[in-house]
Amino acid sequence: MVITGASSDFGHHFARVLHGAGARVVLGARHLEHLNDRVTSPQSKDNVAIAATLDVNDAGSCESFLETAASYFVRIDGLINNAGVLAGAKTYTMIYEADWDYMLDINLKPAWRLSNIYTELLQRNAEQQHGSIINIASITAYRTIKGQFPYAVSKAALVKATEVMALEGARYGIRVNALAPGYILTDVSRLLLESDHADEFMKSIPMCRYSEFEDLDGPFLLLASDSSSFMTGSTIVIDGGHICAEL
């Protein structure tokens, strides 16, 4: 399995979950020093985690990253498109074109770029007939709040990309699904979720709490394993009922 944006809170957690489940994992990030405490010594090719440089904005880096993973592990059972950034509290009138381009260049385009390369690798690998892609979306793809443009737009587009890629990738034996986590306290989101609006956010969640990383484990492992072998084009929302909260 390969994970992009592996130096982030989400990437770190997903890598730990996969490694704990016995998977062989390749972690991708721009700065390898951020991954040093997350890798194992590859003395064995069983249940190891290795790090590789990855700049999701660079096509050559994406290709090199996946080629490295394929050469080390022979086959790549799954690609987790986790790389992403937040824009801060910005409305559509507050951003510049460069802000828009930057958000889509990180949150959307790399998912296509890496998935395209992954599909080509799988087609060339006679030892691999099936693959899986998991896109990490967000509750903001479904729930609208002020100040989340263009982040919410990028995540909504990623959900639709998941559906189209699933339709087109099935012929290659590739399943494409997504996870849409609810609000989770991280170093980045803390400014919003612990702000003056914190009580409003909490009241809008039926289960009356923010998500925790561990809430993602079951759905994530479902999509990453053969347990979801007949599942594609789906987005699993893990949000404590936020998506169905009454108006």
C-alpha atoms as a PDB file:
ATOM      1  CA  MET A   1       0.000   0.000   0.000  1.00  0.00           C
ATOM      2  CA  VAL A   2       1.193   3.525  -0.703  1.00  0.00           C
ATOM      3  CA  ILE A   3       0.124   6.696   1.094  1.00  0.00           C
ATOM      4  CA  THR A   4       0.594  10.260  -0.121  1.00  0.00           C
ATOM      5  CA  GLY A   5       0.834  13.150   2.306  1.00  0.00           C
ATOM      6  CA  ALA A   6       2.194  10.684   4.842  1.00  0.00           C
ATOM      7  CA  SER A   7       3.743  13.352   7.070  1.00  0.00           C
ATOM      8  CA  SER A   8       0.321  14.813   7.921  1.00  0.00           C
ATOM      9  CA  ASP A   9      -1.794  13.795  10.905  1.00  0.00           C
ATOM     10  CA  PHE A  10      -4.116  11.787   8.668  1.00  0.00           C
ATOM     11  CA  GLY A  11      -1.264  10.203   6.738  1.00  0.00           C
ATOM     12  CA  HIS A  12       0.535   9.244   9.925  1.00  0.00           C
ATOM     13  CA  HIS A  13      -2.589   7.619  11.318  1.00  0.00           C
ATOM     14  CA  PHE A  14      -3.451   5.709   8.151  1.00  0.00           C
ATOM     15  CA  ALA A  15       0.117   4.408   7.914  1.00  0.00           C
ATOM     16  CA  ARG A  16      -0.004   3.203  11.520  1.00  0.00           C
ATOM     17  CA  VAL A  17      -3.345   1.462  10.959  1.00  0.00           C
ATOM     18  CA  LEU A  18      -2.153  -0.313   7.809  1.00  0.00           C
ATOM     19  CA  HIS A  19       1.134  -1.310   9.385  1.00  0.00           C
ATOM     20  CA  GLY A  20      -0.686  -2.607  12.442  1.00  0.00           C
ATOM     21  CA  ALA A  21      -2.895  -4.718  10.192  1.00  0.00           C
ATOM     22  CA  GLY A  22       0.168  -6.364   8.672  1.00  0.00           C
ATOM     23  CA  ALA A  23       0.432  -4.368   5.463  1.00  0.00           C
ATOM     24  CA  ARG A  24       3.633  -3.350   3.736  1.00  0.00           C
ATOM     25  CA  VAL A  25       3.492   0.411   3.399  1.00  0.00           C
ATOM     26  CA  VAL A  26       5.346   3.046   1.391  1.00  0.00           C
ATOM     27  CA  LEU A  27       5.017   6.549   2.827  1.00  0.00           C
ATOM     28  CA  GLY A  28       5.324   9.522   0.494  1.00  0.00           C
ATOM     29  CA  ALA A  29       6.129  13.098   1.525  1.00  0.00           C
ATOM     30  CA  ARG A  30       8.268  15.982   0.309  1.00  0.00           C
ATOM     31  CA  HIS A  31      10.550  15.939   3.331  1.00  0.00           C
ATOM     32  CA  LEU A  32      11.779  12.508   4.387  1.00  0.00           C
ATOM     33  CA  GLU A  33      12.992  13.792   7.742  1.00  0.00           C
ATOM     34  CA  HIS A  34       9.329  14.122   8.733  1.00  0.00           C
ATOM     35  CA  LEU A  35       8.908  10.382   8.218  1.00  0.00           C
ATOM     36  CA  ASN A  36      11.990   9.041   9.977  1.00  0.00           C
ATOM     37  CA  ASP A  37      10.073   8.051  13.113  1.00  0.00           C
ATOM     38  CA  ARG A  38       7.415   6.291  11.057  1.00  0.00           C
ATOM     39  CA  VAL A  39       9.467   3.785   9.112  1.00  0.00           C
ATOM     40  CA  THR A  40      10.827   0.368   9.978  1.00  0.00           C
ATOM     41  CA  SER A  41      14.135  -1.191   9.092  1.00  0.00           C
ATOM     42  CA  PRO A  42      13.418  -3.102   5.865  1.00  0.00           C
ATOM     43  CA  GLN A  43      15.293  -6.241   6.870  1.00  0.00           C
ATOM     44  CA  SER A  44      12.248  -8.200   5.770  1.00  0.00           C
ATOM     45  CA  LYS A  45       9.676  -7.467   3.114  1.00  0.00           C
ATOM     46  CA  ASP A  46       6.919  -8.534   5.475  1.00  0.00           C
ATOM     47  CA  ASN A  47       5.052  -5.887   7.451  1.00  0.00           C
ATOM     48  CA  VAL A  48       7.489  -3.039   6.839  1.00  0.00           C
ATOM     49  CA  ALA A  49       7.118   0.681   6.258  1.00  0.00           C
ATOM     50  CA  ILE A  50       9.532   2.591   4.066  1.00  0.00           C
ATOM     51  CA  ALA A  51       9.688   6.265   3.117  1.00  0.00           C
ATOM     52  CA  ALA A  52      10.122   7.765  -0.333  1.00  0.00           C
ATOM     53  CA  THR A  53      10.285  11.349  -1.539  1.00  0.00           C
ATOM     54  CA  LEU A  54       7.090  12.580  -3.166  1.00  0.00           C
ATOM     55  CA  ASP A  55       6.091  15.993  -4.473  1.00  0.00           C
ATOM     56  CA  VAL A  56       2.494  15.561  -5.619  1.00  0.00           C
ATOM     57  CA  ASN A  57       2.779  18.699  -7.748  1.00  0.00           C
ATOM     58  CA  ASP A  58       5.527  17.151  -9.861  1.00  0.00           C
ATOM     59  CA  ALA A  59       4.553  14.484 -12.391  1.00  0.00           C
ATOM     60  CA  GLY A  60       8.067  13.048 -12.475  1.00  0.00           C
ATOM     61  CA  SER A  61       8.164  12.760  -8.695  1.00  0.00           C
ATOM     62  CA  CYS A  62       4.784  10.979  -8.666  1.00  0.00           C
ATOM     63  CA  GLU A  63       5.940   8.482 -11.270  1.00  0.00           C
ATOM     64  CA  SER A  64       9.243   7.880  -9.496  1.00  0.00           C
ATOM     65  CA  PHE A  65       7.446   7.382  -6.173  1.00  0.00           C
ATOM     66  CA  LEU A  66       5.113   4.703  -7.507  1.00  0.00           C
ATOM     67  CA  GLU A  67       7.854   3.031  -9.545  1.00  0.00           C
ATOM     68  CA  THR A  68       9.969   2.818  -6.386  1.00  0.00           C
ATOM     69  CA  ALA A  69       7.104   1.235  -4.466  1.00  0.00           C
ATOM     70  CA  ALA A  70       6.431  -1.249  -7.268  1.00  0.00           C
ATOM     71  CA  SER A  71      10.076  -2.245  -7.553  1.00  0.00           C
ATOM     72  CA  TYR A  72      10.379  -2.846  -3.829  1.00  0.00           C
ATOM     73  CA  PHE A  73       7.131  -4.699  -3.199  1.00  0.00           C
ATOM     74  CA  VAL A  74       6.509  -6.073  -6.731  1.00  0.00           C
ATOM     75  CA  ARG A  75       2.839  -5.090  -6.540  1.00  0.00           C
ATOM     76  CA  ILE A  76       0.896  -2.186  -5.090  1.00  0.00           C
ATOM     77  CA  ASP A  77      -2.436  -3.380  -3.725  1.00  0.00           C
ATOM     78  CA  GLY A  78      -3.708   0.077  -2.900  1.00  0.00           C
ATOM     79  CA  LEU A  79      -3.120   3.793  -3.391  1.00  0.00           C
ATOM     80  CA  ILE A  80      -4.306   6.193  -0.688  1.00  0.00           C
ATOM     81  CA  ASN A  81      -4.621   9.719  -2.083  1.00  0.00           C
ATOM     82  CA  ASN A  82      -4.288  11.551   1.206  1.00  0.00           C
ATOM     83  CA  ALA A  83      -2.221  14.636   0.308  1.00  0.00           C
ATOM     84  CA  GLY A  84      -4.116  17.858   0.890  1.00  0.00           C
ATOM     85  CA  VAL A  85      -4.058  21.348   2.376  1.00  0.00           C
ATOM     86  CA  LEU A  86      -6.510  23.704   4.047  1.00  0.00           C
ATOM     87  CA  ALA A  87      -7.103  27.270   2.898  1.00  0.00           C
ATOM     88  CA  GLY A  88      -7.958  28.826   6.215  1.00  0.00           C
ATOM     89  CA  ALA A  89     -11.188  30.765   6.720  1.00  0.00           C
ATOM     90  CA  LYS A  90     -11.606  32.300   3.262  1.00  0.00           C
ATOM     91  CA  THR A  91     -14.743  33.109   1.291  1.00  0.00           C
ATOM     92  CA  TYR A  92     -14.816  33.165  -2.499  1.00  0.00           C
ATOM     93  CA  THR A  93     -14.410  36.968  -2.430  1.00  0.00           C
ATOM     94  CA  MET A  94     -11.267  36.744  -0.304  1.00  0.00           C
ATOM     95  CA  ILE A  95      -9.112  34.506  -2.466  1.00  0.00           C
ATOM     96  CA  TYR A  96      -6.936  35.251  -5.451  1.00  0.00           C
ATOM     97  CA  GLU A  97      -6.576  33.100  -8.536  1.00  0.00           C
ATOM     98  CA  ALA A  98      -3.270  31.808  -7.183  1.00  0.00           C
ATOM     99  CA  ASP A  99      -5.064  30.609  -4.027  1.00  0.00           C
ATOM    100  CA  TRP A 100      -7.621  28.762  -6.138  1.00  0.00           C
ATOM    101  CA  ASP A 101      -4.966  27.144  -8.303  1.00  0.00           C
ATOM    102  CA  TYR A 102      -2.873  26.145  -5.284  1.00  0.00           C
ATOM    103  CA  MET A 103      -5.813  24.425  -3.578  1.00  0.00           C
ATOM    104  CA  LEU A 104      -6.853  22.415  -6.636  1.00  0.00           C
ATOM    105  CA  ASP A 105      -3.235  21.645  -7.506  1.00  0.00           C
ATOM    106  CA  ILE A 106      -2.805  19.938  -4.122  1.00  0.00           C
ATOM    107  CA  ASN A 107      -6.258  18.620  -3.216  1.00  0.00           C
ATOM    108  CA  LEU A 108      -7.550  17.457  -6.591  1.00  0.00           C
ATOM    109  CA  LYS A 109      -5.055  17.201  -9.433  1.00  0.00           C
ATOM    110  CA  PRO A 110      -2.604  14.818  -7.663  1.00  0.00           C
ATOM    111  CA  ALA A 111      -5.406  12.292  -7.065  1.00  0.00           C
ATOM    112  CA  TRP A 112      -5.895  12.098 -10.823  1.00  0.00           C
ATOM    113  CA  ARG A 113      -2.175  12.174 -11.586  1.00  0.00           C
ATOM    114  CA  LEU A 114      -1.216   9.405  -9.157  1.00  0.00           C
ATOM    115  CA  SER A 115      -4.260   7.285  -9.963  1.00  0.00           C
ATOM    116  CA  ASN A 116      -3.433   7.493 -13.654  1.00  0.00           C
ATOM    117  CA  ILE A 117       0.145   6.342 -13.079  1.00  0.00           C
ATOM    118  CA  TYR A 118      -1.044   3.630 -10.677  1.00  0.00           C
ATOM    119  CA  THR A 119      -3.452   2.292 -13.297  1.00  0.00           C
ATOM    120  CA  GLU A 120      -0.690   2.166 -15.905  1.00  0.00           C
ATOM    121  CA  LEU A 121       1.583   0.274 -13.500  1.00  0.00           C
ATOM    122  CA  LEU A 122      -1.122  -2.255 -12.722  1.00  0.00           C
ATOM    123  CA  GLN A 123      -1.773  -2.879 -16.403  1.00  0.00           C
ATOM    124  CA  ARG A 124       1.920  -3.611 -16.954  1.00  0.00           C
ATOM    125  CA  ASN A 125       2.172  -5.956 -13.978  1.00  0.00           C
ATOM    126  CA  ALA A 126       1.258  -9.503 -15.000  1.00  0.00           C
ATOM    127  CA  GLU A 127       1.261 -10.542 -11.322  1.00  0.00           C
ATOM    128  CA  GLN A 128      -1.480  -8.103 -10.357  1.00  0.00           C
ATOM    129  CA  GLN A 129      -5.059  -8.291 -11.583  1.00  0.00           C
ATOM    130  CA  HIS A 130      -6.782  -6.045  -9.058  1.00  0.00           C
ATOM    131  CA  GLY A 131      -6.105  -2.786  -7.263  1.00  0.00           C
ATOM    132  CA  SER A 132      -7.738  -0.236  -5.004  1.00  0.00           C
ATOM    133  CA  ILE A 133      -7.697   3.542  -4.770  1.00  0.00           C
ATOM    134  CA  ILE A 134      -8.914   5.400  -1.686  1.00  0.00           C
ATOM    135  CA  ASN A 135      -9.406   9.153  -1.940  1.00  0.00           C
ATOM    136  CA  ILE A 136      -9.526  11.114   1.312  1.00  0.00           C
ATOM    137  CA  ALA A 137     -12.359  13.616   0.984  1.00  0.00           C
ATOM    138  CA  SER A 138     -14.154  15.551   3.734  1.00  0.00           C
ATOM    139  CA  ILE A 139     -17.545  16.238   5.280  1.00  0.00           C
ATOM    140  CA  THR A 140     -17.245  19.670   3.648  1.00  0.00           C
ATOM    141  CA  ALA A 141     -17.994  17.962   0.332  1.00  0.00           C
ATOM    142  CA  TYR A 142     -21.563  17.616   1.638  1.00  0.00           C
ATOM    143  CA  ARG A 143     -22.083  20.180   4.405  1.00  0.00           C
ATOM    144  CA  THR A 144     -21.708  23.860   3.591  1.00  0.00           C
ATOM    145  CA  ILE A 145     -20.233  26.393   5.987  1.00  0.00           C
ATOM    146  CA  LYS A 146     -18.894  29.868   5.377  1.00  0.00           C
ATOM    147  CA  GLY A 147     -15.195  30.386   4.909  1.00  0.00           C
ATOM    148  CA  GLN A 148     -14.382  26.990   3.409  1.00  0.00           C
ATOM    149  CA  PHE A 149     -14.022  28.054  -0.213  1.00  0.00           C
ATOM    150  CA  PRO A 150     -12.121  26.704  -2.172  1.00  0.00           C
ATOM    151  CA  TYR A 151     -11.339  23.773   0.175  1.00  0.00           C
ATOM    152  CA  ALA A 152     -14.926  22.511   0.156  1.00  0.00           C
ATOM    153  CA  VAL A 153     -15.076  22.802  -3.624  1.00  0.00           C
ATOM    154  CA  SER A 154     -11.912  20.726  -4.003  1.00  0.00           C
ATOM    155  CA  LYS A 155     -13.294  17.984  -1.750  1.00  0.00           C
ATOM    156  CA  ALA A 156     -16.686  17.931  -3.474  1.00  0.00           C
ATOM    157  CA  ALA A 157     -14.878  17.574  -6.785  1.00  0.00           C
ATOM    158  CA  LEU A 158     -12.831  14.719  -5.321  1.00  0.00           C
ATOM    159  CA  VAL A 159     -16.029  12.858  -4.399  1.00  0.00           C
ATOM    160  CA  LYS A 160     -17.312  13.198  -7.960  1.00  0.00           C
ATOM    161  CA  ALA A 161     -13.878  12.197  -9.299  1.00  0.00           C
ATOM    162  CA  THR A 162     -14.128   9.060  -7.148  1.00  0.00           C
ATOM    163  CA  GLU A 163     -17.390   8.096  -8.812  1.00  0.00           C
ATOM    164  CA  VAL A 164     -16.158   8.698 -12.359  1.00  0.00           C
ATOM    165  CA  MET A 165     -12.844   6.944 -11.713  1.00  0.00           C
ATOM    166  CA  ALA A 166     -14.742   3.963 -10.284  1.00  0.00           C
ATOM    167  CA  LEU A 167     -16.841   3.751 -13.430  1.00  0.00           C
ATOM    168  CA  GLU A 168     -13.810   3.963 -15.696  1.00  0.00           C
ATOM    169  CA  GLY A 169     -11.387   1.984 -13.544  1.00  0.00           C
ATOM    170  CA  ALA A 170     -13.554  -1.125 -13.200  1.00  0.00           C
ATOM    171  CA  ARG A 171     -12.388  -2.426 -16.580  1.00  0.00           C
ATOM    172  CA  TYR A 172      -8.850  -2.527 -15.190  1.00  0.00           C
ATOM    173  CA  GLY A 173      -9.867  -4.336 -12.016  1.00  0.00           C
ATOM    174  CA  ILE A 174      -9.436  -1.197  -9.925  1.00  0.00           C
ATOM    175  CA  ARG A 175     -11.916  -0.206  -7.229  1.00  0.00           C
ATOM    176  CA  VAL A 176     -12.120   3.484  -6.348  1.00  0.00           C
ATOM    177  CA  ASN A 177     -13.751   4.658  -3.132  1.00  0.00           C
ATOM    178  CA  ALA A 178     -13.436   7.576  -0.744  1.00  0.00           C
ATOM    179  CA  LEU A 179     -13.576   8.431   2.935  1.00  0.00           C
ATOM    180  CA  ALA A 180     -15.190  11.673   4.075  1.00  0.00           C
ATOM    181  CA  PRO A 181     -14.173  12.296   7.698  1.00  0.00           C
ATOM    182  CA  GLY A 182     -16.116  14.694   9.860  1.00  0.00           C
ATOM    183  CA  TYR A 183     -14.477  17.349  11.999  1.00  0.00           C
ATOM    184  CA  ILE A 184     -11.367  16.039  13.740  1.00  0.00           C
ATOM    185  CA  LEU A 185      -9.184  18.037  16.105  1.00  0.00           C
ATOM    186  CA  THR A 186      -5.777  18.413  14.482  1.00  0.00           C
ATOM    187  CA  ASP A 187      -3.083  21.069  14.688  1.00  0.00           C
ATOM    188  CA  VAL A 188      -4.628  22.670  11.596  1.00  0.00           C
ATOM    189  CA  SER A 189      -8.336  22.443  12.468  1.00  0.00           C
ATOM    190  CA  ARG A 190      -7.942  23.366  16.127  1.00  0.00           C
ATOM    191  CA  LEU A 191      -8.114  27.093  15.359  1.00  0.00           C
ATOM    192  CA  LEU A 192     -11.579  26.615  13.890  1.00  0.00           C
ATOM    193  CA  LEU A 193     -12.987  23.920  16.153  1.00  0.00           C
ATOM    194  CA  GLU A 194     -11.869  25.608  19.366  1.00  0.00           C
ATOM    195  CA  SER A 195     -12.903  29.084  18.268  1.00  0.00           C
ATOM    196  CA  ASP A 196     -15.898  31.168  19.345  1.00  0.00           C
ATOM    197  CA  HIS A 197     -18.005  29.033  17.000  1.00  0.00           C
ATOM    198  CA  ALA A 198     -17.061  25.730  18.668  1.00  0.00           C
ATOM    199  CA  ASP A 199     -20.402  25.326  20.449  1.00  0.00           C
ATOM    200  CA  GLU A 200     -22.287  25.823  17.182  1.00  0.00           C
ATOM    201  CA  PHE A 201     -20.264  23.122  15.469  1.00  0.00           C
ATOM    202  CA  MET A 202     -20.727  20.684  18.327  1.00  0.00           C
ATOM    203  CA  LYS A 203     -24.496  21.203  18.478  1.00  0.00           C
ATOM    204  CA  SER A 204     -24.814  20.421  14.771  1.00  0.00           C
ATOM    205  CA  ILE A 205     -23.364  16.924  15.284  1.00  0.00           C
ATOM    206  CA  PRO A 206     -26.032  14.451  16.522  1.00  0.00           C
ATOM    207  CA  MET A 207     -23.471  12.402  18.464  1.00  0.00           C
ATOM    208  CA  CYS A 208     -22.339  15.618  20.191  1.00  0.00           C
ATOM    209  CA  ARG A 209     -18.602  15.258  19.736  1.00  0.00           C
ATOM    210  CA  TYR A 210     -15.894  15.719  17.157  1.00  0.00           C
ATOM    211  CA  SER A 211     -14.509  12.718  15.337  1.00  0.00           C
ATOM    212  CA  GLU A 212     -11.324  11.034  16.491  1.00  0.00           C
ATOM    213  CA  PHE A 213      -8.785   9.414  14.224  1.00  0.00           C
ATOM    214  CA  GLU A 214      -9.680   5.993  15.607  1.00  0.00           C
ATOM    215  CA  ASP A 215     -13.236   6.453  14.295  1.00  0.00           C
ATOM    216  CA  LEU A 216     -11.816   6.121  10.788  1.00  0.00           C
ATOM    217  CA  ASP A 217     -10.058   2.790  11.336  1.00  0.00           C
ATOM    218  CA  GLY A 218     -12.915   0.395  10.562  1.00  0.00           C
ATOM    219  CA  PRO A 219     -14.151   2.103   7.377  1.00  0.00           C
ATOM    220  CA  PHE A 220     -10.576   2.679   6.214  1.00  0.00           C
ATOM    221  CA  LEU A 221      -9.560  -0.953   6.660  1.00  0.00           C
ATOM    222  CA  LEU A 222     -12.783  -2.035   4.959  1.00  0.00           C
ATOM    223  CA  LEU A 223     -11.886  -0.091   1.819  1.00  0.00           C
ATOM    224  CA  ALA A 224      -8.230  -1.109   1.980  1.00  0.00           C
ATOM    225  CA  SER A 225      -9.001  -4.827   2.206  1.00  0.00           C
ATOM    226  CA  ASP A 226     -10.714  -7.501   0.133  1.00  0.00           C
ATOM    227  CA  SER A 227     -13.728  -7.182   2.434  1.00  0.00           C
ATOM    228  CA  SER A 228     -14.901  -4.448   0.054  1.00  0.00           C
ATOM    229  CA  SER A 229     -14.104  -6.410  -3.111  1.00  0.00           C
ATOM    230  CA  PHE A 230     -17.523  -5.622  -4.653  1.00  0.00           C
ATOM    231  CA  MET A 231     -17.577  -2.012  -3.522  1.00  0.00           C
ATOM    232  CA  THR A 232     -16.585   0.845  -5.820  1.00  0.00           C
ATOM    233  CA  GLY A 233     -17.675   4.422  -6.416  1.00  0.00           C
ATOM    234  CA  SER A 234     -18.728   4.826  -2.779  1.00  0.00           C
ATOM    235  CA  THR A 235     -17.863   7.538  -0.299  1.00  0.00           C
ATOM    236  CA  ILE A 236     -18.105   6.535   3.352  1.00  0.00           C
ATOM    237  CA  VAL A 237     -18.941   9.460   5.615  1.00  0.00           C
ATOM    238  CA  ILE A 238     -17.669   9.198   9.198  1.00  0.00           C
ATOM    239  CA  ASP A 239     -19.083  12.246  10.933  1.00  0.00           C
ATOM    240  CA  GLY A 240     -21.240  11.282  13.918  1.00  0.00           C
ATOM    241  CA  GLY A 241     -24.397  11.943  11.908  1.00  0.00           C
ATOM    242  CA  HIS A 242     -23.466  15.491  10.928  1.00  0.00           C
ATOM    243  CA  ILE A 243     -24.516  14.911   7.325  1.00  0.00           C
ATOM    244  CA  CYS A 244     -28.076  14.039   8.353  1.00  0.00           C
ATOM    245  CA  ALA A 245     -28.511  16.639  11.095  1.00  0.00           C
ATOM    246  CA  GLU A 246     -31.823  18.486  11.058  1.00  0.00           C
ATOM    247  CA  LEU A 247     -31.953  22.049   9.794  1.00  0.00           C
END
